[in-house]
Amino acid sequence: MTSIAQRLMRSKTFSVVYQDLWRPTFTRLFSLGGSATAEFDRALMSYLSRPGERSILDVACGPGNYTGQLARRLTGVGHCVGIDFSPAMLSTAVRTNSGDRISYLRADAHAIPLADNTFDTVTCLAALYLIPDPLPVIDELVRVCKPGGDVVIFTSVRTDLSRLPGVGTIATLGGYRMFEPHEITGRMHDAGIPDVEQTIIGQGQYVIGRKPAT
């Protein structure tokens, strides 16, 4: 966790401004100033936070901005667990996005300390591009997802714009990784999810896979 972006994630000050300032600004940048990413994000969260008795894991949850939304309409014994490596982010999450159906856990996404086939839905939203050695994290997302459950990722994607001279170098120096168009979907296939849907909007991609029921 030595890059500029990774050090920011450990900052208590940044964890406070992340939700209200940084996240909406960064989401708009993904759409090159437009609103397409924010609109897709709202539609996806409406689906993921639909009423029901489900178990949800939010990996690299940061200050819990998604975690709180995911848990909002759960019923019965439904529960959402947010995990993150940053104590500063988790402290902010507990303070600003707590609830009766929410728990937070400090953990490394490369080795999630939870059992196989545990959660109906597993998400990693707007975080994978900052995690060192991110592809093995996808294996963990699939591992803890129940058969028949959904694995949902929102992350970066390399486009013609990001291939321009100097752009990739600046991103790399900042600790921000741009994934090739088939890098995430290919890893999900390798991890055992043959049915994967990818939506590319601007500089970002939404990848949704359903783990085989058997």
N, C-alpha and C. Protein backbone atom coordinates (compact mmCIF):
# COMPACT_ATOMS: atom_id res chain seq x y z
N MET A 1 0.85 -1.19 0.00
CA MET A 1 0.00 0.00 0.00
C MET A 1 0.89 1.24 0.00
N THR A 2 1.68 1.42 -1.06
CA THR A 2 2.67 2.49 -1.07
C THR A 2 2.39 3.57 -2.09
N SER A 3 1.43 3.40 -2.99
CA SER A 3 1.17 4.42 -3.99
C SER A 3 0.44 5.60 -3.36
N ILE A 4 0.35 6.70 -4.13
CA ILE A 4 -0.35 7.89 -3.63
C ILE A 4 -1.80 7.56 -3.30
N ALA A 5 -2.48 6.88 -4.22
CA ALA A 5 -3.89 6.56 -4.01
C ALA A 5 -4.08 5.63 -2.82
N GLN A 6 -3.20 4.66 -2.68
CA GLN A 6 -3.32 3.71 -1.58
C GLN A 6 -3.06 4.38 -0.24
N ARG A 7 -2.13 5.34 -0.20
CA ARG A 7 -1.88 6.07 1.04
C ARG A 7 -3.08 6.94 1.40
N LEU A 8 -3.74 7.50 0.39
CA LEU A 8 -4.94 8.30 0.66
C LEU A 8 -6.02 7.45 1.32
N MET A 9 -6.13 6.20 0.91
CA MET A 9 -7.16 5.33 1.46
C MET A 9 -6.94 5.05 2.95
N ARG A 10 -5.73 5.26 3.41
CA ARG A 10 -5.44 5.05 4.83
C ARG A 10 -5.61 6.34 5.63
N SER A 11 -5.90 7.44 4.93
CA SER A 11 -5.98 8.75 5.58
C SER A 11 -7.35 8.97 6.20
N LYS A 12 -7.36 9.37 7.45
CA LYS A 12 -8.62 9.65 8.14
C LYS A 12 -9.34 10.83 7.48
N THR A 13 -8.60 11.85 7.10
CA THR A 13 -9.21 13.02 6.46
C THR A 13 -9.85 12.65 5.13
N PHE A 14 -9.13 11.87 4.32
CA PHE A 14 -9.67 11.48 3.02
C PHE A 14 -10.90 10.60 3.17
N SER A 15 -10.90 9.74 4.18
CA SER A 15 -12.06 8.87 4.39
C SER A 15 -13.32 9.68 4.67
N VAL A 16 -13.16 10.87 5.23
CA VAL A 16 -14.32 11.72 5.56
C VAL A 16 -14.85 12.41 4.30
N VAL A 17 -13.95 12.90 3.43
CA VAL A 17 -14.39 13.63 2.24
C VAL A 17 -14.71 12.70 1.08
N TYR A 18 -14.35 11.44 1.18
CA TYR A 18 -14.50 10.51 0.07
C TYR A 18 -15.94 10.41 -0.40
N GLN A 19 -16.87 10.23 0.53
CA GLN A 19 -18.26 9.94 0.17
C GLN A 19 -18.95 11.13 -0.49
N ASP A 20 -18.81 12.31 0.08
CA ASP A 20 -19.57 13.46 -0.40
C ASP A 20 -18.87 14.27 -1.48
N LEU A 21 -17.56 14.18 -1.56
CA LEU A 21 -16.81 15.01 -2.51
C LEU A 21 -16.11 14.17 -3.57
N TRP A 22 -15.24 13.28 -3.13
CA TRP A 22 -14.39 12.55 -4.08
C TRP A 22 -15.20 11.57 -4.93
N ARG A 23 -16.08 10.78 -4.31
CA ARG A 23 -16.78 9.75 -5.05
C ARG A 23 -17.63 10.32 -6.18
N PRO A 24 -18.50 11.34 -5.96
CA PRO A 24 -19.29 11.86 -7.08
C PRO A 24 -18.44 12.51 -8.17
N THR A 25 -17.34 13.16 -7.77
CA THR A 25 -16.45 13.75 -8.76
C THR A 25 -15.79 12.67 -9.60
N PHE A 26 -15.31 11.63 -8.96
CA PHE A 26 -14.62 10.55 -9.66
C PHE A 26 -15.59 9.80 -10.58
N THR A 27 -16.84 9.60 -10.12
CA THR A 27 -17.84 8.93 -10.94
C THR A 27 -18.12 9.71 -12.21
N ARG A 28 -18.17 11.03 -12.11
CA ARG A 28 -18.38 11.86 -13.30
C ARG A 28 -17.19 11.79 -14.24
N LEU A 29 -15.99 11.70 -13.68
CA LEU A 29 -14.80 11.57 -14.52
C LEU A 29 -14.82 10.27 -15.32
N PHE A 30 -15.36 9.20 -14.72
CA PHE A 30 -15.48 7.94 -15.44
C PHE A 30 -16.29 8.12 -16.71
N SER A 31 -17.29 9.02 -16.68
CA SER A 31 -18.15 9.26 -17.84
C SER A 31 -17.67 10.45 -18.66
N LEU A 32 -16.44 10.86 -18.41
CA LEU A 32 -15.85 12.00 -19.13
C LEU A 32 -16.71 13.25 -18.99
N GLY A 33 -17.22 13.47 -17.79
CA GLY A 33 -18.02 14.64 -17.51
C GLY A 33 -19.51 14.43 -17.65
N GLY A 34 -19.93 13.30 -18.19
CA GLY A 34 -21.35 13.01 -18.37
C GLY A 34 -21.95 12.35 -17.15
N SER A 35 -23.18 11.86 -17.31
CA SER A 35 -23.91 11.27 -16.19
C SER A 35 -24.19 9.78 -16.38
N ALA A 36 -23.68 9.18 -17.46
CA ALA A 36 -24.04 7.79 -17.77
C ALA A 36 -23.62 6.82 -16.67
N THR A 37 -22.41 7.02 -16.11
CA THR A 37 -21.95 6.11 -15.05
C THR A 37 -22.84 6.24 -13.81
N ALA A 38 -23.16 7.46 -13.43
CA ALA A 38 -24.01 7.67 -12.26
C ALA A 38 -25.40 7.07 -12.47
N GLU A 39 -25.93 7.17 -13.68
CA GLU A 39 -27.26 6.61 -13.97
C GLU A 39 -27.23 5.09 -13.91
N PHE A 40 -26.20 4.47 -14.49
CA PHE A 40 -26.10 3.01 -14.43
C PHE A 40 -25.90 2.57 -12.99
N ASP A 41 -25.10 3.33 -12.27
CA ASP A 41 -24.83 3.01 -10.87
C ASP A 41 -26.13 3.01 -10.05
N ARG A 42 -26.98 3.99 -10.27
CA ARG A 42 -28.25 4.06 -9.55
C ARG A 42 -29.14 2.86 -9.89
N ALA A 43 -29.19 2.50 -11.17
CA ALA A 43 -30.01 1.37 -11.59
C ALA A 43 -29.48 0.07 -10.98
N LEU A 44 -28.16 -0.09 -10.97
CA LEU A 44 -27.58 -1.30 -10.40
C LEU A 44 -27.85 -1.39 -8.90
N MET A 45 -27.70 -0.28 -8.19
CA MET A 45 -27.94 -0.30 -6.75
C MET A 45 -29.40 -0.55 -6.43
N SER A 46 -30.30 -0.08 -7.29
CA SER A 46 -31.72 -0.36 -7.09
C SER A 46 -31.98 -1.86 -7.16
N TYR A 47 -31.29 -2.53 -8.10
CA TYR A 47 -31.44 -3.99 -8.21
C TYR A 47 -30.79 -4.70 -7.02
N LEU A 48 -29.57 -4.31 -6.68
CA LEU A 48 -28.84 -5.01 -5.62
C LEU A 48 -29.46 -4.78 -4.25
N SER A 49 -30.12 -3.64 -4.05
CA SER A 49 -30.70 -3.33 -2.74
C SER A 49 -32.20 -3.60 -2.70
N ARG A 50 -32.69 -4.43 -3.63
CA ARG A 50 -34.12 -4.75 -3.65
C ARG A 50 -34.51 -5.45 -2.34
N PRO A 51 -35.77 -5.34 -1.94
CA PRO A 51 -36.20 -5.98 -0.69
C PRO A 51 -35.99 -7.49 -0.74
N GLY A 52 -35.58 -8.06 0.39
CA GLY A 52 -35.39 -9.50 0.45
C GLY A 52 -34.52 -9.91 1.62
N GLU A 53 -34.52 -11.20 1.86
CA GLU A 53 -33.74 -11.78 2.96
C GLU A 53 -32.48 -12.40 2.35
N ARG A 54 -31.45 -11.56 2.19
CA ARG A 54 -30.24 -12.01 1.50
C ARG A 54 -29.01 -11.69 2.33
N SER A 55 -27.93 -12.39 2.02
CA SER A 55 -26.63 -12.09 2.62
C SER A 55 -25.77 -11.44 1.55
N ILE A 56 -25.13 -10.31 1.91
CA ILE A 56 -24.35 -9.53 0.96
C ILE A 56 -22.97 -9.25 1.56
N LEU A 57 -21.94 -9.37 0.73
CA LEU A 57 -20.58 -9.00 1.13
C LEU A 57 -20.09 -7.88 0.23
N ASP A 58 -19.69 -6.77 0.82
CA ASP A 58 -19.17 -5.62 0.09
C ASP A 58 -17.67 -5.54 0.34
N VAL A 59 -16.88 -5.94 -0.64
CA VAL A 59 -15.42 -6.05 -0.50
C VAL A 59 -14.76 -4.72 -0.87
N ALA A 60 -13.78 -4.31 -0.04
CA ALA A 60 -13.13 -3.01 -0.19
C ALA A 60 -14.20 -1.92 -0.10
N CYS A 61 -14.93 -1.94 1.01
CA CYS A 61 -16.13 -1.12 1.17
C CYS A 61 -15.82 0.35 1.43
N GLY A 62 -14.56 0.69 1.76
CA GLY A 62 -14.24 2.07 2.06
C GLY A 62 -15.08 2.60 3.21
N PRO A 63 -15.63 3.82 3.09
CA PRO A 63 -16.43 4.40 4.17
C PRO A 63 -17.86 3.89 4.21
N GLY A 64 -18.16 2.82 3.46
CA GLY A 64 -19.46 2.18 3.57
C GLY A 64 -20.57 2.83 2.77
N ASN A 65 -20.23 3.69 1.79
CA ASN A 65 -21.28 4.37 1.04
C ASN A 65 -22.15 3.39 0.25
N TYR A 66 -21.54 2.35 -0.33
CA TYR A 66 -22.33 1.32 -0.99
C TYR A 66 -22.93 0.35 0.04
N THR A 67 -22.19 0.03 1.07
CA THR A 67 -22.64 -0.94 2.07
C THR A 67 -23.98 -0.52 2.66
N GLY A 68 -24.09 0.74 3.01
CA GLY A 68 -25.33 1.24 3.58
C GLY A 68 -26.51 1.09 2.63
N GLN A 69 -26.27 1.38 1.35
CA GLN A 69 -27.34 1.24 0.36
C GLN A 69 -27.73 -0.22 0.17
N LEU A 70 -26.73 -1.10 0.13
CA LEU A 70 -27.00 -2.52 -0.08
C LEU A 70 -27.86 -3.10 1.03
N ALA A 71 -27.69 -2.61 2.24
CA ALA A 71 -28.40 -3.16 3.40
C ALA A 71 -29.75 -2.53 3.65
N ARG A 72 -30.04 -1.44 2.97
CA ARG A 72 -31.18 -0.59 3.34
C ARG A 72 -32.53 -1.32 3.34
N ARG A 73 -32.75 -2.20 2.36
CA ARG A 73 -34.07 -2.84 2.24
C ARG A 73 -34.03 -4.34 2.50
N LEU A 74 -33.00 -4.81 3.16
CA LEU A 74 -32.95 -6.23 3.52
C LEU A 74 -34.03 -6.54 4.55
N THR A 75 -34.49 -7.77 4.52
CA THR A 75 -35.55 -8.18 5.45
C THR A 75 -35.13 -9.45 6.19
N GLY A 76 -35.94 -9.85 7.18
CA GLY A 76 -35.68 -11.09 7.91
C GLY A 76 -34.30 -11.10 8.53
N VAL A 77 -33.55 -12.17 8.23
CA VAL A 77 -32.19 -12.26 8.75
C VAL A 77 -31.17 -11.74 7.74
N GLY A 78 -31.65 -11.02 6.74
CA GLY A 78 -30.74 -10.44 5.75
C GLY A 78 -29.67 -9.57 6.40
N HIS A 79 -28.45 -9.64 5.87
CA HIS A 79 -27.34 -8.93 6.49
C HIS A 79 -26.30 -8.57 5.44
N CYS A 80 -25.64 -7.46 5.63
CA CYS A 80 -24.58 -7.01 4.74
C CYS A 80 -23.29 -6.81 5.54
N VAL A 81 -22.20 -7.39 5.05
CA VAL A 81 -20.89 -7.26 5.69
C VAL A 81 -19.98 -6.46 4.77
N GLY A 82 -19.40 -5.41 5.30
CA GLY A 82 -18.41 -4.64 4.55
C GLY A 82 -17.02 -4.93 5.08
N ILE A 83 -16.07 -5.22 4.17
CA ILE A 83 -14.69 -5.45 4.60
C ILE A 83 -13.77 -4.45 3.90
N ASP A 84 -12.75 -4.03 4.61
CA ASP A 84 -11.76 -3.12 4.06
C ASP A 84 -10.46 -3.29 4.83
N PHE A 85 -9.35 -2.91 4.20
CA PHE A 85 -8.04 -3.04 4.83
C PHE A 85 -7.66 -1.79 5.62
N SER A 86 -8.37 -0.68 5.36
CA SER A 86 -8.01 0.61 5.95
C SER A 86 -8.78 0.87 7.24
N PRO A 87 -8.09 0.98 8.39
CA PRO A 87 -8.79 1.34 9.63
C PRO A 87 -9.49 2.68 9.54
N ALA A 88 -8.91 3.65 8.83
CA ALA A 88 -9.52 4.97 8.70
C ALA A 88 -10.85 4.89 7.97
N MET A 89 -10.87 4.13 6.87
CA MET A 89 -12.11 3.97 6.11
C MET A 89 -13.17 3.27 6.95
N LEU A 90 -12.78 2.22 7.66
CA LEU A 90 -13.74 1.48 8.48
C LEU A 90 -14.29 2.33 9.62
N SER A 91 -13.44 3.16 10.20
CA SER A 91 -13.89 4.05 11.26
C SER A 91 -14.98 5.00 10.76
N THR A 92 -14.75 5.54 9.55
CA THR A 92 -15.76 6.41 8.96
C THR A 92 -17.02 5.63 8.61
N ALA A 93 -16.85 4.41 8.12
CA ALA A 93 -18.01 3.58 7.78
C ALA A 93 -18.89 3.32 8.99
N VAL A 94 -18.27 2.97 10.11
CA VAL A 94 -19.03 2.69 11.33
C VAL A 94 -19.77 3.94 11.79
N ARG A 95 -19.14 5.09 11.63
CA ARG A 95 -19.75 6.34 12.10
C ARG A 95 -20.87 6.82 11.18
N THR A 96 -20.73 6.63 9.87
CA THR A 96 -21.66 7.25 8.92
C THR A 96 -22.59 6.27 8.22
N ASN A 97 -22.26 4.99 8.20
CA ASN A 97 -23.07 4.03 7.46
C ASN A 97 -23.30 2.75 8.25
N SER A 98 -23.70 2.91 9.49
CA SER A 98 -24.02 1.76 10.33
C SER A 98 -25.51 1.45 10.27
N GLY A 99 -25.88 0.28 10.76
CA GLY A 99 -27.28 -0.11 10.79
C GLY A 99 -27.44 -1.47 11.43
N ASP A 100 -28.67 -1.84 11.72
CA ASP A 100 -28.93 -3.11 12.37
C ASP A 100 -28.53 -4.30 11.51
N ARG A 101 -28.50 -4.12 10.20
CA ARG A 101 -28.20 -5.22 9.29
C ARG A 101 -26.82 -5.09 8.64
N ILE A 102 -25.95 -4.31 9.28
CA ILE A 102 -24.62 -4.05 8.72
C ILE A 102 -23.55 -4.42 9.74
N SER A 103 -22.51 -5.10 9.28
CA SER A 103 -21.32 -5.35 10.09
C SER A 103 -20.10 -4.97 9.27
N TYR A 104 -19.03 -4.56 9.94
CA TYR A 104 -17.78 -4.23 9.26
C TYR A 104 -16.65 -5.08 9.84
N LEU A 105 -15.72 -5.42 8.96
CA LEU A 105 -14.60 -6.29 9.33
C LEU A 105 -13.35 -5.81 8.62
N ARG A 106 -12.26 -5.66 9.37
CA ARG A 106 -10.98 -5.34 8.72
C ARG A 106 -10.36 -6.63 8.19
N ALA A 107 -10.10 -6.66 6.90
CA ALA A 107 -9.58 -7.88 6.28
C ALA A 107 -8.90 -7.55 4.97
N ASP A 108 -8.03 -8.46 4.55
CA ASP A 108 -7.33 -8.38 3.28
C ASP A 108 -8.19 -9.07 2.22
N ALA A 109 -8.53 -8.36 1.16
CA ALA A 109 -9.38 -8.93 0.12
C ALA A 109 -8.73 -10.10 -0.61
N HIS A 110 -7.40 -10.25 -0.49
CA HIS A 110 -6.72 -11.39 -1.11
C HIS A 110 -6.95 -12.68 -0.34
N ALA A 111 -7.39 -12.57 0.92
CA ALA A 111 -7.60 -13.74 1.76
C ALA A 111 -8.78 -13.45 2.69
N ILE A 112 -9.97 -13.41 2.14
CA ILE A 112 -11.16 -13.07 2.90
C ILE A 112 -11.40 -14.14 3.97
N PRO A 113 -11.45 -13.77 5.25
CA PRO A 113 -11.54 -14.75 6.33
C PRO A 113 -12.98 -15.23 6.57
N LEU A 114 -13.63 -15.65 5.50
CA LEU A 114 -15.01 -16.13 5.56
C LEU A 114 -15.13 -17.40 4.72
N ALA A 115 -16.12 -18.21 5.03
CA ALA A 115 -16.22 -19.55 4.43
C ALA A 115 -16.66 -19.49 2.97
N ASP A 116 -16.35 -20.56 2.25
CA ASP A 116 -16.81 -20.73 0.87
C ASP A 116 -18.34 -20.68 0.82
N ASN A 117 -18.87 -20.20 -0.30
CA ASN A 117 -20.30 -20.31 -0.59
C ASN A 117 -21.18 -19.73 0.53
N THR A 118 -20.84 -18.51 0.97
CA THR A 118 -21.52 -17.90 2.12
C THR A 118 -22.56 -16.86 1.72
N PHE A 119 -22.30 -16.06 0.67
CA PHE A 119 -23.12 -14.87 0.40
C PHE A 119 -23.91 -15.00 -0.89
N ASP A 120 -25.14 -14.46 -0.85
CA ASP A 120 -25.99 -14.44 -2.04
C ASP A 120 -25.46 -13.45 -3.08
N THR A 121 -24.88 -12.37 -2.61
CA THR A 121 -24.33 -11.34 -3.49
C THR A 121 -22.98 -10.89 -2.95
N VAL A 122 -21.99 -10.78 -3.84
CA VAL A 122 -20.66 -10.30 -3.45
C VAL A 122 -20.31 -9.15 -4.39
N THR A 123 -19.96 -8.00 -3.83
CA THR A 123 -19.64 -6.84 -4.64
C THR A 123 -18.22 -6.34 -4.35
N CYS A 124 -17.64 -5.71 -5.36
CA CYS A 124 -16.40 -4.95 -5.21
C CYS A 124 -16.55 -3.74 -6.13
N LEU A 125 -16.93 -2.61 -5.58
CA LEU A 125 -17.37 -1.47 -6.36
C LEU A 125 -16.43 -0.28 -6.19
N ALA A 126 -15.89 0.18 -7.32
CA ALA A 126 -15.01 1.35 -7.32
C ALA A 126 -13.83 1.18 -6.38
N ALA A 127 -13.19 0.00 -6.43
CA ALA A 127 -12.08 -0.26 -5.51
C ALA A 127 -10.99 -1.14 -6.12
N LEU A 128 -11.35 -2.03 -7.02
CA LEU A 128 -10.39 -3.03 -7.49
C LEU A 128 -9.17 -2.39 -8.15
N TYR A 129 -9.34 -1.24 -8.77
CA TYR A 129 -8.23 -0.59 -9.48
C TYR A 129 -7.19 -0.01 -8.53
N LEU A 130 -7.48 0.02 -7.23
CA LEU A 130 -6.51 0.53 -6.26
C LEU A 130 -5.86 -0.58 -5.43
N ILE A 131 -6.31 -1.82 -5.60
CA ILE A 131 -5.80 -2.92 -4.79
C ILE A 131 -4.55 -3.51 -5.44
N PRO A 132 -3.45 -3.63 -4.71
CA PRO A 132 -2.26 -4.27 -5.27
C PRO A 132 -2.56 -5.72 -5.65
N ASP A 133 -2.04 -6.18 -6.78
CA ASP A 133 -2.25 -7.55 -7.25
C ASP A 133 -3.74 -7.88 -7.23
N PRO A 134 -4.56 -7.20 -8.04
CA PRO A 134 -6.01 -7.27 -7.88
C PRO A 134 -6.67 -8.54 -8.42
N LEU A 135 -6.09 -9.21 -9.40
CA LEU A 135 -6.79 -10.33 -10.03
C LEU A 135 -7.08 -11.49 -9.08
N PRO A 136 -6.17 -11.85 -8.16
CA PRO A 136 -6.52 -12.90 -7.20
C PRO A 136 -7.71 -12.54 -6.31
N VAL A 137 -7.99 -11.25 -6.15
CA VAL A 137 -9.15 -10.85 -5.36
C VAL A 137 -10.44 -11.36 -6.02
N ILE A 138 -10.47 -11.40 -7.35
CA ILE A 138 -11.65 -11.90 -8.05
C ILE A 138 -11.91 -13.35 -7.69
N ASP A 139 -10.85 -14.13 -7.57
CA ASP A 139 -11.00 -15.54 -7.16
C ASP A 139 -11.68 -15.62 -5.80
N GLU A 140 -11.32 -14.71 -4.89
CA GLU A 140 -11.91 -14.70 -3.55
C GLU A 140 -13.39 -14.29 -3.60
N LEU A 141 -13.71 -13.33 -4.45
CA LEU A 141 -15.11 -12.92 -4.59
C LEU A 141 -15.97 -14.11 -5.01
N VAL A 142 -15.47 -14.86 -5.97
CA VAL A 142 -16.22 -16.02 -6.46
C VAL A 142 -16.29 -17.10 -5.39
N ARG A 143 -15.20 -17.30 -4.67
CA ARG A 143 -15.16 -18.37 -3.66
C ARG A 143 -16.22 -18.20 -2.59
N VAL A 144 -16.39 -16.97 -2.09
CA VAL A 144 -17.32 -16.77 -0.97
C VAL A 144 -18.76 -16.58 -1.43
N CYS A 145 -18.98 -16.52 -2.74
CA CYS A 145 -20.34 -16.38 -3.28
C CYS A 145 -21.03 -17.74 -3.32
N LYS A 146 -22.29 -17.76 -2.95
CA LYS A 146 -23.07 -18.99 -3.00
C LYS A 146 -23.32 -19.42 -4.44
N PRO A 147 -23.46 -20.72 -4.71
CA PRO A 147 -23.93 -21.16 -6.02
C PRO A 147 -25.27 -20.51 -6.34
N GLY A 148 -25.37 -19.96 -7.55
CA GLY A 148 -26.57 -19.23 -7.93
C GLY A 148 -26.54 -17.77 -7.56
N GLY A 149 -25.49 -17.33 -6.84
CA GLY A 149 -25.39 -15.94 -6.41
C GLY A 149 -24.68 -15.06 -7.44
N ASP A 150 -24.70 -13.75 -7.19
CA ASP A 150 -24.12 -12.77 -8.10
C ASP A 150 -22.80 -12.22 -7.58
N VAL A 151 -21.83 -12.08 -8.48
CA VAL A 151 -20.58 -11.37 -8.21
C VAL A 151 -20.59 -10.11 -9.07
N VAL A 152 -20.46 -8.94 -8.44
CA VAL A 152 -20.61 -7.67 -9.14
C VAL A 152 -19.38 -6.81 -8.92
N ILE A 153 -18.79 -6.35 -10.02
CA ILE A 153 -17.57 -5.53 -9.96
C ILE A 153 -17.78 -4.25 -10.76
N PHE A 154 -17.40 -3.13 -10.19
CA PHE A 154 -17.30 -1.87 -10.93
C PHE A 154 -15.87 -1.40 -10.82
N THR A 155 -15.21 -1.25 -11.97
CA THR A 155 -13.80 -0.86 -11.95
C THR A 155 -13.45 -0.15 -13.26
N SER A 156 -12.19 0.11 -13.45
CA SER A 156 -11.71 0.84 -14.62
C SER A 156 -11.60 -0.09 -15.83
N VAL A 157 -11.45 0.53 -17.00
CA VAL A 157 -11.18 -0.23 -18.23
C VAL A 157 -10.30 0.63 -19.13
N ARG A 158 -9.35 0.01 -19.77
CA ARG A 158 -8.45 0.74 -20.66
C ARG A 158 -9.16 1.00 -21.99
N THR A 159 -9.16 2.27 -22.41
CA THR A 159 -9.80 2.68 -23.65
C THR A 159 -8.78 3.39 -24.53
N ASP A 160 -9.23 3.84 -25.70
CA ASP A 160 -8.33 4.58 -26.59
C ASP A 160 -7.80 5.83 -25.91
N LEU A 161 -8.64 6.47 -25.10
CA LEU A 161 -8.20 7.67 -24.38
C LEU A 161 -7.09 7.35 -23.40
N SER A 162 -7.25 6.29 -22.64
CA SER A 162 -6.25 5.96 -21.62
C SER A 162 -4.99 5.35 -22.23
N ARG A 163 -5.03 5.03 -23.52
CA ARG A 163 -3.82 4.54 -24.20
C ARG A 163 -2.97 5.67 -24.77
N LEU A 164 -3.45 6.90 -24.67
CA LEU A 164 -2.67 8.03 -25.16
C LEU A 164 -1.35 8.14 -24.40
N PRO A 165 -0.29 8.60 -25.06
CA PRO A 165 1.02 8.70 -24.40
C PRO A 165 0.94 9.52 -23.11
N GLY A 166 1.49 8.95 -22.06
CA GLY A 166 1.57 9.65 -20.79
C GLY A 166 0.41 9.39 -19.85
N VAL A 167 -0.77 9.08 -20.38
CA VAL A 167 -1.94 8.88 -19.52
C VAL A 167 -1.76 7.66 -18.63
N GLY A 168 -1.34 6.56 -19.26
CA GLY A 168 -1.13 5.34 -18.48
C GLY A 168 -0.03 5.49 -17.45
N THR A 169 1.01 6.22 -17.79
CA THR A 169 2.12 6.43 -16.85
C THR A 169 1.67 7.21 -15.63
N ILE A 170 0.88 8.26 -15.86
CA ILE A 170 0.38 9.06 -14.75
C ILE A 170 -0.50 8.22 -13.83
N ALA A 171 -1.37 7.41 -14.44
CA ALA A 171 -2.26 6.56 -13.64
C ALA A 171 -1.47 5.56 -12.82
N THR A 172 -0.46 4.95 -13.43
CA THR A 172 0.35 3.96 -12.73
C THR A 172 1.10 4.58 -11.56
N LEU A 173 1.66 5.76 -11.78
CA LEU A 173 2.39 6.44 -10.71
C LEU A 173 1.47 6.78 -9.54
N GLY A 174 0.22 7.05 -9.84
CA GLY A 174 -0.73 7.37 -8.79
C GLY A 174 -1.30 6.15 -8.09
N GLY A 175 -0.99 4.95 -8.62
CA GLY A 175 -1.49 3.73 -8.01
C GLY A 175 -2.82 3.27 -8.56
N TYR A 176 -3.20 3.83 -9.71
CA TYR A 176 -4.49 3.53 -10.32
C TYR A 176 -4.26 2.58 -11.50
N ARG A 177 -4.92 1.43 -11.48
CA ARG A 177 -4.73 0.44 -12.54
C ARG A 177 -5.89 0.49 -13.53
N MET A 178 -5.55 0.47 -14.81
CA MET A 178 -6.56 0.38 -15.87
C MET A 178 -6.52 -1.02 -16.45
N PHE A 179 -7.63 -1.73 -16.37
CA PHE A 179 -7.70 -3.10 -16.81
C PHE A 179 -8.00 -3.18 -18.30
N GLU A 180 -7.39 -4.15 -18.96
CA GLU A 180 -7.72 -4.41 -20.35
C GLU A 180 -9.18 -4.87 -20.44
N PRO A 181 -9.84 -4.64 -21.59
CA PRO A 181 -11.27 -4.91 -21.70
C PRO A 181 -11.70 -6.33 -21.32
N HIS A 182 -10.83 -7.32 -21.56
CA HIS A 182 -11.23 -8.70 -21.27
C HIS A 182 -10.52 -9.28 -20.03
N GLU A 183 -9.83 -8.42 -19.29
CA GLU A 183 -9.05 -8.90 -18.15
C GLU A 183 -9.94 -9.36 -16.99
N ILE A 184 -10.94 -8.57 -16.66
CA ILE A 184 -11.83 -8.90 -15.54
C ILE A 184 -12.75 -10.06 -15.92
N THR A 185 -13.37 -9.96 -17.08
CA THR A 185 -14.28 -11.03 -17.51
C THR A 185 -13.55 -12.35 -17.66
N GLY A 186 -12.32 -12.31 -18.18
CA GLY A 186 -11.54 -13.53 -18.35
C GLY A 186 -11.20 -14.17 -17.01
N ARG A 187 -10.87 -13.34 -16.01
CA ARG A 187 -10.54 -13.90 -14.70
C ARG A 187 -11.78 -14.50 -14.05
N MET A 188 -12.94 -13.88 -14.25
CA MET A 188 -14.17 -14.44 -13.70
C MET A 188 -14.50 -15.78 -14.36
N HIS A 189 -14.27 -15.87 -15.66
CA HIS A 189 -14.45 -17.16 -16.34
C HIS A 189 -13.52 -18.22 -15.74
N ASP A 190 -12.27 -17.84 -15.57
CA ASP A 190 -11.28 -18.79 -15.02
C ASP A 190 -11.64 -19.21 -13.59
N ALA A 191 -12.29 -18.32 -12.85
CA ALA A 191 -12.65 -18.62 -11.46
C ALA A 191 -13.91 -19.48 -11.35
N GLY A 192 -14.55 -19.73 -12.50
CA GLY A 192 -15.69 -20.64 -12.48
C GLY A 192 -17.03 -20.01 -12.75
N ILE A 193 -17.04 -18.80 -13.34
CA ILE A 193 -18.30 -18.16 -13.70
C ILE A 193 -18.36 -18.02 -15.22
N PRO A 194 -19.09 -18.89 -15.91
CA PRO A 194 -19.14 -18.83 -17.37
C PRO A 194 -20.06 -17.74 -17.90
N ASP A 195 -21.08 -17.34 -17.11
CA ASP A 195 -22.08 -16.38 -17.54
C ASP A 195 -21.74 -15.01 -16.97
N VAL A 196 -21.13 -14.15 -17.80
CA VAL A 196 -20.65 -12.85 -17.33
C VAL A 196 -21.17 -11.76 -18.27
N GLU A 197 -21.71 -10.70 -17.69
CA GLU A 197 -22.20 -9.56 -18.46
C GLU A 197 -21.31 -8.35 -18.17
N GLN A 198 -20.83 -7.70 -19.22
CA GLN A 198 -19.95 -6.55 -19.08
C GLN A 198 -20.58 -5.33 -19.75
N THR A 199 -20.63 -4.21 -19.03
CA THR A 199 -21.11 -2.94 -19.58
C THR A 199 -20.01 -1.92 -19.42
N ILE A 200 -19.51 -1.39 -20.53
CA ILE A 200 -18.44 -0.39 -20.51
C ILE A 200 -19.06 0.99 -20.74
N ILE A 201 -18.79 1.90 -19.80
CA ILE A 201 -19.28 3.27 -19.89
C ILE A 201 -18.09 4.19 -19.67
N GLY A 202 -17.72 4.94 -20.67
CA GLY A 202 -16.58 5.84 -20.54
C GLY A 202 -15.32 5.08 -20.19
N GLN A 203 -14.72 5.42 -19.06
CA GLN A 203 -13.48 4.79 -18.62
C GLN A 203 -13.72 3.69 -17.58
N GLY A 204 -14.98 3.32 -17.38
CA GLY A 204 -15.30 2.32 -16.37
C GLY A 204 -16.05 1.14 -16.95
N GLN A 205 -16.09 0.05 -16.18
CA GLN A 205 -16.83 -1.13 -16.60
C GLN A 205 -17.57 -1.73 -15.41
N TYR A 206 -18.78 -2.18 -15.67
CA TYR A 206 -19.57 -2.95 -14.72
C TYR A 206 -19.57 -4.39 -15.20
N VAL A 207 -19.16 -5.30 -14.34
CA VAL A 207 -19.10 -6.72 -14.68
C VAL A 207 -19.95 -7.49 -13.67
N ILE A 208 -20.93 -8.23 -14.19
CA ILE A 208 -21.84 -8.98 -13.33
C ILE A 208 -21.83 -10.44 -13.77
N GLY A 209 -21.51 -11.31 -12.83
CA GLY A 209 -21.47 -12.74 -13.12
C GLY A 209 -22.32 -13.52 -12.14
N ARG A 210 -22.94 -14.58 -12.62
CA ARG A 210 -23.74 -15.44 -11.74
C ARG A 210 -23.03 -16.78 -11.60
N LYS A 211 -22.74 -17.14 -10.36
CA LYS A 211 -22.06 -18.39 -10.07
C LYS A 211 -23.00 -19.55 -10.38
N PRO A 212 -22.54 -20.57 -11.08
CA PRO A 212 -23.41 -21.69 -11.42
C PRO A 212 -24.08 -22.28 -10.19
N ALA A 213 -25.36 -22.67 -10.34
CA ALA A 213 -26.13 -23.15 -9.21
C ALA A 213 -25.66 -24.53 -8.74
N THR A 214 -24.97 -25.27 -9.57
CA THR A 214 -24.48 -26.58 -9.18
C THR A 214 -22.99 -26.64 -9.45
